[in-house]
Amino acid sequence: FLVSSFDTYNQKFLGRSHKGFQQAEGELEQMLSQPMEN
């Protein structure tokens, strides 16, 4: 029960804020790559 309801919540949450995750992921990649370049 918990797993199925959690999956349903995940699908709704990811579908609604997918762009937000992509933007945050890009920012994280920039933050992580900057120290390596220096």
PDB file of N, CA and C in Angstrom:
ATOM      1  N   PHE A   1       0.848  -1.204   0.000  1.00  0.00           N
ATOM      2  CA  PHE A   1       0.000   0.000   0.000  1.00  0.00           C
ATOM      3  C   PHE A   1       0.880   1.250   0.000  1.00  0.00           C
ATOM      4  N   LEU A   2       1.859   1.289   0.890  1.00  0.00           N
ATOM      5  CA  LEU A   2       2.711   2.478   0.974  1.00  0.00           C
ATOM      6  C   LEU A   2       3.473   2.688  -0.339  1.00  0.00           C
ATOM      7  N   VAL A   3       3.980   1.608  -0.909  1.00  0.00           N
ATOM      8  CA  VAL A   3       4.785   1.742  -2.125  1.00  0.00           C
ATOM      9  C   VAL A   3       3.931   2.248  -3.278  1.00  0.00           C
ATOM     10  N   SER A   4       2.731   1.681  -3.445  1.00  0.00           N
ATOM     11  CA  SER A   4       1.890   2.084  -4.576  1.00  0.00           C
ATOM     12  C   SER A   4       1.450   3.537  -4.429  1.00  0.00           C
ATOM     13  N   SER A   5       1.084   3.952  -3.226  1.00  0.00           N
ATOM     14  CA  SER A   5       0.657   5.341  -3.034  1.00  0.00           C
ATOM     15  C   SER A   5       1.853   6.277  -3.199  1.00  0.00           C
ATOM     16  N   PHE A   6       3.030   5.822  -2.789  1.00  0.00           N
ATOM     17  CA  PHE A   6       4.228   6.643  -2.940  1.00  0.00           C
ATOM     18  C   PHE A   6       4.570   6.818  -4.420  1.00  0.00           C
ATOM     19  N   ASP A   7       4.419   5.739  -5.208  1.00  0.00           N
ATOM     20  CA  ASP A   7       4.676   5.834  -6.647  1.00  0.00           C
ATOM     21  C   ASP A   7       3.716   6.819  -7.292  1.00  0.00           C
ATOM     22  N   THR A   8       2.442   6.759  -6.912  1.00  0.00           N
ATOM     23  CA  THR A   8       1.455   7.678  -7.486  1.00  0.00           C
ATOM     24  C   THR A   8       1.819   9.114  -7.143  1.00  0.00           C
ATOM     25  N   TYR A   9       2.222   9.356  -5.902  1.00  0.00           N
ATOM     26  CA  TYR A   9       2.612  10.701  -5.484  1.00  0.00           C
ATOM     27  C   TYR A   9       3.847  11.149  -6.262  1.00  0.00           C
ATOM     28  N   ASN A  10       4.799  10.239  -6.432  1.00  0.00           N
ATOM     29  CA  ASN A  10       6.021  10.577  -7.167  1.00  0.00           C
ATOM     30  C   ASN A  10       5.698  10.982  -8.594  1.00  0.00           C
ATOM     31  N   GLN A  11       4.810  10.227  -9.265  1.00  0.00           N
ATOM     32  CA  GLN A  11       4.473  10.533 -10.654  1.00  0.00           C
ATOM     33  C   GLN A  11       3.844  11.917 -10.746  1.00  0.00           C
ATOM     34  N   LYS A  12       2.926  12.237  -9.845  1.00  0.00           N
ATOM     35  CA  LYS A  12       2.277  13.551  -9.882  1.00  0.00           C
ATOM     36  C   LYS A  12       3.296  14.648  -9.593  1.00  0.00           C
ATOM     37  N   PHE A  13       4.135  14.422  -8.577  1.00  0.00           N
ATOM     38  CA  PHE A  13       5.106  15.441  -8.171  1.00  0.00           C
ATOM     39  C   PHE A  13       6.130  15.680  -9.282  1.00  0.00           C
ATOM     40  N   LEU A  14       6.662  14.592  -9.853  1.00  0.00           N
ATOM     41  CA  LEU A  14       7.675  14.739 -10.898  1.00  0.00           C
ATOM     42  C   LEU A  14       7.069  15.377 -12.138  1.00  0.00           C
ATOM     43  N   GLY A  15       5.859  14.993 -12.496  1.00  0.00           N
ATOM     44  CA  GLY A  15       5.217  15.559 -13.678  1.00  0.00           C
ATOM     45  C   GLY A  15       4.978  17.046 -13.515  1.00  0.00           C
ATOM     46  N   ARG A  16       4.683  17.482 -12.286  1.00  0.00           N
ATOM     47  CA  ARG A  16       4.349  18.889 -12.061  1.00  0.00           C
ATOM     48  C   ARG A  16       5.605  19.751 -11.994  1.00  0.00           C
ATOM     49  N   SER A  17       6.700  19.229 -11.456  1.00  0.00           N
ATOM     50  CA  SER A  17       7.893  20.056 -11.232  1.00  0.00           C
ATOM     51  C   SER A  17       9.099  19.498 -11.983  1.00  0.00           C
ATOM     52  N   HIS A  18       8.839  18.859 -13.140  1.00  0.00           N
ATOM     53  CA  HIS A  18       9.942  18.276 -13.906  1.00  0.00           C
ATOM     54  C   HIS A  18      10.904  19.369 -14.357  1.00  0.00           C
ATOM     55  N   LYS A  19      10.364  20.492 -14.821  1.00  0.00           N
ATOM     56  CA  LYS A  19      11.225  21.586 -15.285  1.00  0.00           C
ATOM     57  C   LYS A  19      12.050  22.120 -14.121  1.00  0.00           C
ATOM     58  N   GLY A  20      11.457  22.204 -12.939  1.00  0.00           N
ATOM     59  CA  GLY A  20      12.190  22.694 -11.782  1.00  0.00           C
ATOM     60  C   GLY A  20      13.377  21.801 -11.471  1.00  0.00           C
ATOM     61  N   PHE A  21      13.166  20.476 -11.595  1.00  0.00           N
ATOM     62  CA  PHE A  21      14.267  19.557 -11.316  1.00  0.00           C
ATOM     63  C   PHE A  21      15.374  19.723 -12.350  1.00  0.00           C
ATOM     64  N   GLN A  22      14.987  19.887 -13.614  1.00  0.00           N
ATOM     65  CA  GLN A  22      16.003  20.057 -14.656  1.00  0.00           C
ATOM     66  C   GLN A  22      16.824  21.310 -14.395  1.00  0.00           C
ATOM     67  N   GLN A  23      16.150  22.388 -13.993  1.00  0.00           N
ATOM     68  CA  GLN A  23      16.867  23.640 -13.734  1.00  0.00           C
ATOM     69  C   GLN A  23      17.817  23.468 -12.551  1.00  0.00           C
ATOM     70  N   ALA A  24      17.341  22.847 -11.472  1.00  0.00           N
ATOM     71  CA  ALA A  24      18.180  22.647 -10.291  1.00  0.00           C
ATOM     72  C   ALA A  24      19.348  21.727 -10.631  1.00  0.00           C
ATOM     73  N   GLU A  25      19.094  20.723 -11.471  1.00  0.00           N
ATOM     74  CA  GLU A  25      20.159  19.795 -11.846  1.00  0.00           C
ATOM     75  C   GLU A  25      21.250  20.532 -12.619  1.00  0.00           C
ATOM     76  N   GLY A  26      20.840  21.422 -13.523  1.00  0.00           N
ATOM     77  CA  GLY A  26      21.821  22.189 -14.280  1.00  0.00           C
ATOM     78  C   GLY A  26      22.650  23.072 -13.363  1.00  0.00           C
ATOM     79  N   GLU A  27      21.995  23.708 -12.385  1.00  0.00           N
ATOM     80  CA  GLU A  27      22.727  24.562 -11.448  1.00  0.00           C
ATOM     81  C   GLU A  27      23.704  23.735 -10.625  1.00  0.00           C
ATOM     82  N   LEU A  28      23.272  22.535 -10.208  1.00  0.00           N
ATOM     83  CA  LEU A  28      24.161  21.671  -9.429  1.00  0.00           C
ATOM     84  C   LEU A  28      25.387  21.296 -10.255  1.00  0.00           C
ATOM     85  N   GLU A  29      25.167  20.968 -11.529  1.00  0.00           N
ATOM     86  CA  GLU A  29      26.294  20.586 -12.378  1.00  0.00           C
ATOM     87  C   GLU A  29      27.278  21.738 -12.503  1.00  0.00           C
ATOM     88  N   GLN A  30      26.767  22.964 -12.639  1.00  0.00           N
ATOM     89  CA  GLN A  30      27.662  24.117 -12.738  1.00  0.00           C
ATOM     90  C   GLN A  30      28.460  24.274 -11.448  1.00  0.00           C
ATOM     91  N   MET A  31      27.781  24.156 -10.303  1.00  0.00           N
ATOM     92  CA  MET A  31      28.455  24.314  -9.013  1.00  0.00           C
ATOM     93  C   MET A  31      29.536  23.249  -8.835  1.00  0.00           C
ATOM     94  N   LEU A  32      29.232  22.013  -9.286  1.00  0.00           N
ATOM     95  CA  LEU A  32      30.191  20.924  -9.089  1.00  0.00           C
ATOM     96  C   LEU A  32      31.367  21.034 -10.053  1.00  0.00           C
ATOM     97  N   SER A  33      31.130  21.582 -11.237  1.00  0.00           N
ATOM     98  CA  SER A  33      32.204  21.624 -12.235  1.00  0.00           C
ATOM     99  C   SER A  33      33.132  22.809 -11.996  1.00  0.00           C
ATOM    100  N   GLN A  34      32.671  23.847 -11.347  1.00  0.00           N
ATOM    101  CA  GLN A  34      33.514  25.028 -11.129  1.00  0.00           C
ATOM    102  C   GLN A  34      34.752  24.707 -10.286  1.00  0.00           C
ATOM    103  N   PRO A  35      34.634  24.053  -9.131  1.00  0.00           N
ATOM    104  CA  PRO A  35      35.826  23.744  -8.326  1.00  0.00           C
ATOM    105  C   PRO A  35      36.816  22.866  -9.084  1.00  0.00           C
ATOM    106  N   MET A  36      36.325  21.965  -9.940  1.00  0.00           N
ATOM    107  CA  MET A  36      37.223  21.089 -10.684  1.00  0.00           C
ATOM    108  C   MET A  36      38.059  21.891 -11.675  1.00  0.00           C
ATOM    109  N   GLU A  37      37.467  22.920 -12.270  1.00  0.00           N
ATOM    110  CA  GLU A  37      38.191  23.712 -13.267  1.00  0.00           C
ATOM    111  C   GLU A  37      39.300  24.525 -12.607  1.00  0.00           C
ATOM    112  N   ASN A  38      39.081  24.974 -11.391  1.00  0.00           N
ATOM    113  CA  ASN A  38      40.089  25.799 -10.710  1.00  0.00           C
ATOM    114  C   ASN A  38      41.197  24.965 -10.177  1.00  0.00           C
TER     115      ASN A  38
END
